[in-house]
Amino acid sequence: MTFLRAGQEAPMSEGNGAPGGREFRLLAVPGSTARESQTARAARAVLERAGSARPGVRGTCLGPEALRLPAMEVDARASGALARRPAVRAVCAEVARADALVLATPVYQGSFSGALKNLLDHLPMGAFQGKPALVVSVAAKVQGAHGAVDHLQAVVRALGGWPVPTSVVCAGGDFPADGAPAPEVLRRVDTAIGELLGFRLAGRGPGQAPAPPAPAPAGAAPGPRWAGVVEGG
C-alpha cells in the first residue's frame, strides 16, 4: 500500500464487513509531512491488518500533502471561507465518509505533531461524531509516546469521537521498511483493531451514542471502559 491523496481509496478485501452489507470505511491519517516515515508505515500496517481481520474493510490512507494546509484562520472559519477551500473540503469529505479512524503521529516535544493538529483544527465541530478512533504514537523511545496519545485522544473526544481503549505506542524501529513488525507489536495492533471494528459492527453509527455496557456479573472484575465517555457527549 502506498500513500493516497484525499479521495483515493485502497480496497483491502471483499465481502460483507458492516451491518446491512455495506463496506466498512477506515481512514488513516499519518501526522508526518515526510514522504515516507515510520508513522506512515505504522498507519498502513494497521490498515493492512484490519483488512485481513475483517472482510469488507476498505482503507484510505491520506498522503502527506493532506497535512500541508495553511495555518487555520479564525476569521476565515467564522465567515465560512475556510470550509469552501478545496483542500479543506477534500479532507472533510474523507472524514465524513469514514466509519472509523486511525490517527498516527510522530512525537514532537512530548506531544503529537503540529501538522496533524492544524489539520484537525480545520475540521468542523462534531466531525468525528459517533466514530471510533485508534491512536498510534511513534517515538524514538516508547517512554516518550504516551503523552502524545493522551493529547490526541482528548482532541478525538472534542470532535465527538470515541477513542478505543487500546492505543498503539511504539518506537521508531517497530515498523521497519524492509521487514515485518515484531510479534508483540502486531498483537497490540490486533487488539486495537478488534476494539475498533467491534465498536462499529455492534451497531453504533455516525451520530449515535455508544451502547451502554452490559452489567458485570456479581464478583467479576471490571472490564475496560470506552475512553472519553462524557455525560451529554
C-alpha atoms as a PDB file:
ATOM      1  CA  MET A   1       0.000   0.000   0.000  1.00  0.00           C
ATOM      2  CA  THR A   2       1.233   3.494  -0.761  1.00  0.00           C
ATOM      3  CA  PHE A   3       0.229   6.957   0.356  1.00  0.00           C
ATOM      4  CA  LEU A   4      -3.078   8.029  -1.138  1.00  0.00           C
ATOM      5  CA  ARG A   5      -4.266  11.518  -1.814  1.00  0.00           C
ATOM      6  CA  ALA A   6      -7.592  12.537  -0.318  1.00  0.00           C
ATOM      7  CA  GLY A   7     -10.310  10.917  -2.388  1.00  0.00           C
ATOM      8  CA  GLN A   8      -8.260   7.894  -3.471  1.00  0.00           C
ATOM      9  CA  GLU A   9      -9.064   4.569  -1.878  1.00  0.00           C
ATOM     10  CA  ALA A  10      -7.223   1.295  -1.376  1.00  0.00           C
ATOM     11  CA  PRO A  11      -9.524  -1.735  -1.500  1.00  0.00           C
ATOM     12  CA  MET A  12      -8.320  -4.159   1.105  1.00  0.00           C
ATOM     13  CA  SER A  13     -10.666  -7.129   0.893  1.00  0.00           C
ATOM     14  CA  GLU A  14     -14.033  -8.040  -0.484  1.00  0.00           C
ATOM     15  CA  GLY A  15     -17.084  -9.149   1.411  1.00  0.00           C
ATOM     16  CA  ASN A  16     -19.587  -8.130   3.977  1.00  0.00           C
ATOM     17  CA  GLY A  17     -17.781  -6.062   6.587  1.00  0.00           C
ATOM     18  CA  ALA A  18     -20.545  -3.912   8.038  1.00  0.00           C
ATOM     19  CA  PRO A  19     -24.174  -4.239   9.081  1.00  0.00           C
ATOM     20  CA  GLY A  20     -26.557  -4.410   6.128  1.00  0.00           C
ATOM     21  CA  GLY A  21     -23.816  -5.494   3.712  1.00  0.00           C
ATOM     22  CA  ARG A  22     -22.211  -2.051   3.423  1.00  0.00           C
ATOM     23  CA  GLU A  23     -18.437  -1.884   3.264  1.00  0.00           C
ATOM     24  CA  PHE A  24     -16.555  -0.624   6.304  1.00  0.00           C
ATOM     25  CA  ARG A  25     -14.524   2.512   5.542  1.00  0.00           C
ATOM     26  CA  LEU A  26     -11.399   3.010   7.619  1.00  0.00           C
ATOM     27  CA  LEU A  27      -9.469   6.276   7.243  1.00  0.00           C
ATOM     28  CA  ALA A  28      -5.846   6.564   8.365  1.00  0.00           C
ATOM     29  CA  VAL A  29      -4.257   9.976   8.852  1.00  0.00           C
ATOM     30  CA  PRO A  30      -0.485   9.849   9.392  1.00  0.00           C
ATOM     31  CA  GLY A  31       0.698  13.010  11.124  1.00  0.00           C
ATOM     32  CA  SER A  32       4.093  13.242   9.449  1.00  0.00           C
ATOM     33  CA  THR A  33       4.771  15.545   6.498  1.00  0.00           C
ATOM     34  CA  ALA A  34       7.621  13.309   5.280  1.00  0.00           C
ATOM     35  CA  ARG A  35       7.064  11.462   2.015  1.00  0.00           C
ATOM     36  CA  GLU A  36       7.982   8.219   3.770  1.00  0.00           C
ATOM     37  CA  SER A  37       8.069   7.852   7.534  1.00  0.00           C
ATOM     38  CA  GLN A  38       7.799   5.406  10.413  1.00  0.00           C
ATOM     39  CA  THR A  39       4.436   6.977  11.204  1.00  0.00           C
ATOM     40  CA  ALA A  40       3.075   6.304   7.729  1.00  0.00           C
ATOM     41  CA  ARG A  41       4.336   2.718   7.814  1.00  0.00           C
ATOM     42  CA  ALA A  42       2.601   2.192  11.147  1.00  0.00           C
ATOM     43  CA  ALA A  43      -0.669   3.609   9.780  1.00  0.00           C
ATOM     44  CA  ARG A  44      -0.513   1.430   6.676  1.00  0.00           C
ATOM     45  CA  ALA A  45       0.256  -1.636   8.786  1.00  0.00           C
ATOM     46  CA  VAL A  46      -2.896  -1.016  10.826  1.00  0.00           C
ATOM     47  CA  LEU A  47      -4.974  -0.743   7.643  1.00  0.00           C
ATOM     48  CA  GLU A  48      -3.494  -3.949   6.252  1.00  0.00           C
ATOM     49  CA  ARG A  49      -4.137  -5.862   9.483  1.00  0.00           C
ATOM     50  CA  ALA A  50      -7.704  -4.551   9.599  1.00  0.00           C
ATOM     51  CA  GLY A  51      -8.285  -5.716   6.033  1.00  0.00           C
ATOM     52  CA  SER A  52      -7.021  -9.169   6.951  1.00  0.00           C
ATOM     53  CA  ALA A  53      -9.111  -9.302  10.112  1.00  0.00           C
ATOM     54  CA  ARG A  54     -12.493  -8.442   8.597  1.00  0.00           C
ATOM     55  CA  PRO A  55     -13.878  -8.926   5.082  1.00  0.00           C
ATOM     56  CA  GLY A  56     -15.362  -5.794   3.566  1.00  0.00           C
ATOM     57  CA  VAL A  57     -12.943  -3.324   5.143  1.00  0.00           C
ATOM     58  CA  ARG A  58     -11.866  -0.595   2.725  1.00  0.00           C
ATOM     59  CA  GLY A  59      -8.948   1.542   3.812  1.00  0.00           C
ATOM     60  CA  THR A  60      -7.833   5.005   2.800  1.00  0.00           C
ATOM     61  CA  CYS A  61      -4.501   6.443   3.944  1.00  0.00           C
ATOM     62  CA  LEU A  62      -4.104  10.172   3.438  1.00  0.00           C
ATOM     63  CA  GLY A  63      -0.803  11.290   1.984  1.00  0.00           C
ATOM     64  CA  PRO A  64       1.412  13.993   3.477  1.00  0.00           C
ATOM     65  CA  GLU A  65       0.007  16.610   1.092  1.00  0.00           C
ATOM     66  CA  ALA A  66      -3.222  16.484   3.125  1.00  0.00           C
ATOM     67  CA  LEU A  67      -1.264  17.979   6.044  1.00  0.00           C
ATOM     68  CA  ARG A  68       0.067  20.909   4.054  1.00  0.00           C
ATOM     69  CA  LEU A  69      -2.786  23.231   4.894  1.00  0.00           C
ATOM     70  CA  PRO A  70      -2.112  26.846   5.833  1.00  0.00           C
ATOM     71  CA  ALA A  71      -2.498  27.727   9.485  1.00  0.00           C
ATOM     72  CA  MET A  72      -6.142  27.671  10.488  1.00  0.00           C
ATOM     73  CA  GLU A  73      -7.556  31.209  10.246  1.00  0.00           C
ATOM     74  CA  VAL A  74     -10.272  32.022  12.756  1.00  0.00           C
ATOM     75  CA  ASP A  75     -11.798  34.814  10.656  1.00  0.00           C
ATOM     76  CA  ALA A  76     -11.965  32.573   7.584  1.00  0.00           C
ATOM     77  CA  ARG A  77     -13.613  29.873   9.653  1.00  0.00           C
ATOM     78  CA  ALA A  78     -16.185  32.293  11.064  1.00  0.00           C
ATOM     79  CA  SER A  79     -17.059  33.631   7.610  1.00  0.00           C
ATOM     80  CA  GLY A  80     -17.367  30.169   6.057  1.00  0.00           C
ATOM     81  CA  ALA A  81     -14.496  30.814   3.643  1.00  0.00           C
ATOM     82  CA  LEU A  82     -12.376  28.116   5.279  1.00  0.00           C
ATOM     83  CA  ALA A  83     -14.900  25.372   4.550  1.00  0.00           C
ATOM     84  CA  ARG A  84     -15.025  26.382   0.875  1.00  0.00           C
ATOM     85  CA  ARG A  85     -11.310  25.860   0.251  1.00  0.00           C
ATOM     86  CA  PRO A  86     -10.787  22.783  -1.976  1.00  0.00           C
ATOM     87  CA  ALA A  87      -8.085  21.175   0.186  1.00  0.00           C
ATOM     88  CA  VAL A  88     -10.181  21.575   3.329  1.00  0.00           C
ATOM     89  CA  ARG A  89     -13.300  20.254   1.590  1.00  0.00           C
ATOM     90  CA  ALA A  90     -11.377  17.181   0.394  1.00  0.00           C
ATOM     91  CA  VAL A  91     -10.149  16.304   3.881  1.00  0.00           C
ATOM     92  CA  CYS A  92     -13.574  16.923   5.441  1.00  0.00           C
ATOM     93  CA  ALA A  93     -15.189  14.679   2.815  1.00  0.00           C
ATOM     94  CA  GLU A  94     -12.810  11.822   3.617  1.00  0.00           C
ATOM     95  CA  VAL A  95     -13.544  12.152   7.329  1.00  0.00           C
ATOM     96  CA  ALA A  96     -17.298  12.278   6.720  1.00  0.00           C
ATOM     97  CA  ARG A  97     -17.172   9.080   4.637  1.00  0.00           C
ATOM     98  CA  ALA A  98     -15.166   7.151   7.215  1.00  0.00           C
ATOM     99  CA  ASP A  99     -16.764   4.700   9.623  1.00  0.00           C
ATOM    100  CA  ALA A 100     -13.680   4.712  11.838  1.00  0.00           C
ATOM    101  CA  LEU A 101     -10.333   6.475  12.056  1.00  0.00           C
ATOM    102  CA  VAL A 102      -6.682   5.663  12.626  1.00  0.00           C
ATOM    103  CA  LEU A 103      -4.734   8.726  13.754  1.00  0.00           C
ATOM    104  CA  ALA A 104      -0.994   8.096  13.712  1.00  0.00           C
ATOM    105  CA  THR A 105       1.526  10.648  14.886  1.00  0.00           C
ATOM    106  CA  PRO A 106       5.213  11.146  15.464  1.00  0.00           C
ATOM    107  CA  VAL A 107       6.117  12.612  18.845  1.00  0.00           C
ATOM    108  CA  TYR A 108       7.424  16.165  18.801  1.00  0.00           C
ATOM    109  CA  GLN A 109       8.256  17.930  22.076  1.00  0.00           C
ATOM    110  CA  GLY A 110       6.213  15.437  24.074  1.00  0.00           C
ATOM    111  CA  SER A 111       3.010  15.720  22.034  1.00  0.00           C
ATOM    112  CA  PHE A 112       1.538  14.919  18.626  1.00  0.00           C
ATOM    113  CA  SER A 113       2.591  16.788  15.514  1.00  0.00           C
ATOM    114  CA  GLY A 114       1.573  20.377  14.854  1.00  0.00           C
ATOM    115  CA  ALA A 115       0.744  19.491  11.243  1.00  0.00           C
ATOM    116  CA  LEU A 116      -1.815  16.938  12.430  1.00  0.00           C
ATOM    117  CA  LYS A 117      -3.247  19.394  14.960  1.00  0.00           C
ATOM    118  CA  ASN A 118      -3.621  22.013  12.229  1.00  0.00           C
ATOM    119  CA  LEU A 119      -5.499  19.525  10.033  1.00  0.00           C
ATOM    120  CA  LEU A 120      -7.809  18.620  12.911  1.00  0.00           C
ATOM    121  CA  ASP A 121      -8.383  22.325  13.626  1.00  0.00           C
ATOM    122  CA  HIS A 122      -9.732  22.708  10.074  1.00  0.00           C
ATOM    123  CA  LEU A 123     -12.482  20.129  10.696  1.00  0.00           C
ATOM    124  CA  PRO A 124     -15.975  21.262  11.697  1.00  0.00           C
ATOM    125  CA  MET A 125     -17.220  20.685  15.221  1.00  0.00           C
ATOM    126  CA  GLY A 126     -18.538  17.158  15.637  1.00  0.00           C
ATOM    127  CA  ALA A 127     -16.584  15.858  12.632  1.00  0.00           C
ATOM    128  CA  PHE A 128     -15.855  12.579  14.468  1.00  0.00           C
ATOM    129  CA  GLN A 129     -19.337  12.245  15.961  1.00  0.00           C
ATOM    130  CA  GLY A 130     -20.034   8.595  16.766  1.00  0.00           C
ATOM    131  CA  LYS A 131     -16.841   7.367  15.097  1.00  0.00           C
ATOM    132  CA  PRO A 132     -14.324   5.184  16.942  1.00  0.00           C
ATOM    133  CA  ALA A 133     -10.688   6.199  16.609  1.00  0.00           C
ATOM    134  CA  LEU A 134      -7.457   4.311  17.151  1.00  0.00           C
ATOM    135  CA  VAL A 135      -4.441   6.411  18.123  1.00  0.00           C
ATOM    136  CA  VAL A 136      -0.949   5.323  17.075  1.00  0.00           C
ATOM    137  CA  SER A 137       2.084   7.121  18.516  1.00  0.00           C
ATOM    138  CA  VAL A 138       5.622   6.667  17.175  1.00  0.00           C
ATOM    139  CA  ALA A 139       8.572   7.973  19.192  1.00  0.00           C
ATOM    140  CA  ALA A 140      12.311   7.432  19.309  1.00  0.00           C
ATOM    141  CA  LYS A 141      11.680   5.759  22.671  1.00  0.00           C
ATOM    142  CA  VAL A 142       8.379   4.242  23.768  1.00  0.00           C
ATOM    143  CA  GLN A 143       8.502   6.141  27.067  1.00  0.00           C
ATOM    144  CA  GLY A 144       8.036   9.420  25.219  1.00  0.00           C
ATOM    145  CA  ALA A 145       4.993   8.353  23.221  1.00  0.00           C
ATOM    146  CA  HIS A 146       2.310   8.210  25.905  1.00  0.00           C
ATOM    147  CA  GLY A 147       1.832  11.969  26.249  1.00  0.00           C
ATOM    148  CA  ALA A 148       1.084  12.252  22.545  1.00  0.00           C
ATOM    149  CA  VAL A 149      -1.575   9.541  22.874  1.00  0.00           C
ATOM    150  CA  ASP A 150      -3.282  11.337  25.755  1.00  0.00           C
ATOM    151  CA  HIS A 151      -3.282  14.680  23.952  1.00  0.00           C
ATOM    152  CA  LEU A 152      -4.565  13.236  20.679  1.00  0.00           C
ATOM    153  CA  GLN A 153      -7.309  11.238  22.385  1.00  0.00           C
ATOM    154  CA  ALA A 154      -8.503  14.463  24.026  1.00  0.00           C
ATOM    155  CA  VAL A 155      -8.886  16.044  20.578  1.00  0.00           C
ATOM    156  CA  VAL A 156     -10.764  12.968  19.319  1.00  0.00           C
ATOM    157  CA  ARG A 157     -13.248  13.370  22.149  1.00  0.00           C
ATOM    158  CA  ALA A 158     -13.579  17.106  21.493  1.00  0.00           C
ATOM    159  CA  LEU A 159     -14.584  16.293  17.900  1.00  0.00           C
ATOM    160  CA  GLY A 160     -17.236  13.838  19.104  1.00  0.00           C
ATOM    161  CA  GLY A 161     -15.266  10.643  18.522  1.00  0.00           C
ATOM    162  CA  TRP A 162     -14.637   7.683  20.804  1.00  0.00           C
ATOM    163  CA  PRO A 163     -11.006   6.622  21.358  1.00  0.00           C
ATOM    164  CA  VAL A 164     -10.788   2.845  21.665  1.00  0.00           C
ATOM    165  CA  PRO A 165      -9.242   1.609  24.925  1.00  0.00           C
ATOM    166  CA  THR A 166      -6.090   0.205  23.334  1.00  0.00           C
ATOM    167  CA  SER A 167      -3.636   2.587  21.702  1.00  0.00           C
ATOM    168  CA  VAL A 168      -0.560   1.525  19.753  1.00  0.00           C
ATOM    169  CA  VAL A 169       2.551   3.048  21.312  1.00  0.00           C
ATOM    170  CA  CYS A 170       5.729   2.126  19.505  1.00  0.00           C
ATOM    171  CA  ALA A 171       9.356   3.038  18.970  1.00  0.00           C
ATOM    172  CA  GLY A 172      10.693   4.189  15.642  1.00  0.00           C
ATOM    173  CA  GLY A 173      12.093   0.800  14.656  1.00  0.00           C
ATOM    174  CA  ASP A 174       8.922  -1.177  15.353  1.00  0.00           C
ATOM    175  CA  PHE A 175       7.669  -0.830  11.756  1.00  0.00           C
ATOM    176  CA  PRO A 176      10.787  -1.405   9.622  1.00  0.00           C
ATOM    177  CA  ALA A 177      10.751  -0.567   5.932  1.00  0.00           C
ATOM    178  CA  ASP A 178      12.325  -3.895   4.986  1.00  0.00           C
ATOM    179  CA  GLY A 179      10.681  -6.326   7.371  1.00  0.00           C
ATOM    180  CA  ALA A 180       7.653  -7.274   9.418  1.00  0.00           C
ATOM    181  CA  PRO A 181       6.835  -5.627  12.748  1.00  0.00           C
ATOM    182  CA  ALA A 182       7.698  -7.542  15.901  1.00  0.00           C
ATOM    183  CA  PRO A 183       5.044 -10.071  17.030  1.00  0.00           C
ATOM    184  CA  GLU A 184       4.353  -8.184  20.273  1.00  0.00           C
ATOM    185  CA  VAL A 185       3.649  -5.004  18.291  1.00  0.00           C
ATOM    186  CA  LEU A 186       1.261  -6.855  15.978  1.00  0.00           C
ATOM    187  CA  ARG A 187      -0.563  -8.343  18.956  1.00  0.00           C
ATOM    188  CA  ARG A 188      -1.284  -4.860  20.276  1.00  0.00           C
ATOM    189  CA  VAL A 189      -2.328  -3.697  16.808  1.00  0.00           C
ATOM    190  CA  ASP A 190      -4.703  -6.653  16.508  1.00  0.00           C
ATOM    191  CA  THR A 191      -6.240  -5.955  19.924  1.00  0.00           C
ATOM    192  CA  ALA A 192      -6.859  -2.325  18.986  1.00  0.00           C
ATOM    193  CA  ILE A 193      -8.314  -3.299  15.595  1.00  0.00           C
ATOM    194  CA  GLY A 194     -10.700  -5.707  17.296  1.00  0.00           C
ATOM    195  CA  GLU A 195     -11.958  -2.882  19.503  1.00  0.00           C
ATOM    196  CA  LEU A 196     -12.224  -0.501  16.551  1.00  0.00           C
ATOM    197  CA  LEU A 197     -14.198  -2.860  14.320  1.00  0.00           C
ATOM    198  CA  GLY A 198     -16.244  -4.249  17.191  1.00  0.00           C
ATOM    199  CA  PHE A 199     -17.374  -0.760  18.183  1.00  0.00           C
ATOM    200  CA  ARG A 200     -18.892  -0.025  14.767  1.00  0.00           C
ATOM    201  CA  LEU A 201     -20.067  -3.511  13.850  1.00  0.00           C
ATOM    202  CA  ALA A 202     -22.006  -3.667  17.121  1.00  0.00           C
ATOM    203  CA  GLY A 203     -24.388  -1.174  15.541  1.00  0.00           C
ATOM    204  CA  ARG A 204     -23.033   2.189  16.594  1.00  0.00           C
ATOM    205  CA  GLY A 205     -23.194   4.528  13.626  1.00  0.00           C
ATOM    206  CA  PRO A 206     -22.461   8.179  12.902  1.00  0.00           C
ATOM    207  CA  GLY A 207     -24.284  10.403  15.341  1.00  0.00           C
ATOM    208  CA  GLN A 208     -25.203   7.534  17.637  1.00  0.00           C
ATOM    209  CA  ALA A 209     -24.121   7.270  21.232  1.00  0.00           C
ATOM    210  CA  PRO A 210     -22.257   4.117  22.253  1.00  0.00           C
ATOM    211  CA  ALA A 211     -24.401   1.324  23.620  1.00  0.00           C
ATOM    212  CA  PRO A 212     -24.377   1.172  27.422  1.00  0.00           C
ATOM    213  CA  PRO A 213     -22.113  -1.535  28.848  1.00  0.00           C
ATOM    214  CA  ALA A 214     -23.772  -4.753  29.942  1.00  0.00           C
ATOM    215  CA  PRO A 215     -23.954  -5.249  33.717  1.00  0.00           C
ATOM    216  CA  ALA A 216     -20.965  -7.178  35.026  1.00  0.00           C
ATOM    217  CA  PRO A 217     -21.658 -10.496  36.770  1.00  0.00           C
ATOM    218  CA  ALA A 218     -21.539 -10.377  40.543  1.00  0.00           C
ATOM    219  CA  GLY A 219     -17.957 -10.533  41.759  1.00  0.00           C
ATOM    220  CA  ALA A 220     -16.440 -10.020  38.304  1.00  0.00           C
ATOM    221  CA  ALA A 221     -13.521  -7.681  37.820  1.00  0.00           C
ATOM    222  CA  PRO A 222     -14.458  -4.533  35.910  1.00  0.00           C
ATOM    223  CA  GLY A 223     -13.652  -4.681  32.194  1.00  0.00           C
ATOM    224  CA  PRO A 224     -12.189  -1.893  30.080  1.00  0.00           C
ATOM    225  CA  ARG A 225     -14.420   1.130  29.557  1.00  0.00           C
ATOM    226  CA  TRP A 226     -14.678   3.186  26.428  1.00  0.00           C
ATOM    227  CA  ALA A 227     -12.327   6.120  26.834  1.00  0.00           C
ATOM    228  CA  GLY A 228     -13.885   9.547  26.897  1.00  0.00           C
ATOM    229  CA  VAL A 229     -17.485   8.710  27.799  1.00  0.00           C
ATOM    230  CA  VAL A 230     -18.787  12.084  28.926  1.00  0.00           C
ATOM    231  CA  GLU A 231     -22.243  12.975  30.218  1.00  0.00           C
ATOM    232  CA  GLY A 232     -24.112  14.561  27.340  1.00  0.00           C
ATOM    233  CA  GLY A 233     -21.234  13.883  24.932  1.00  0.00           C
END
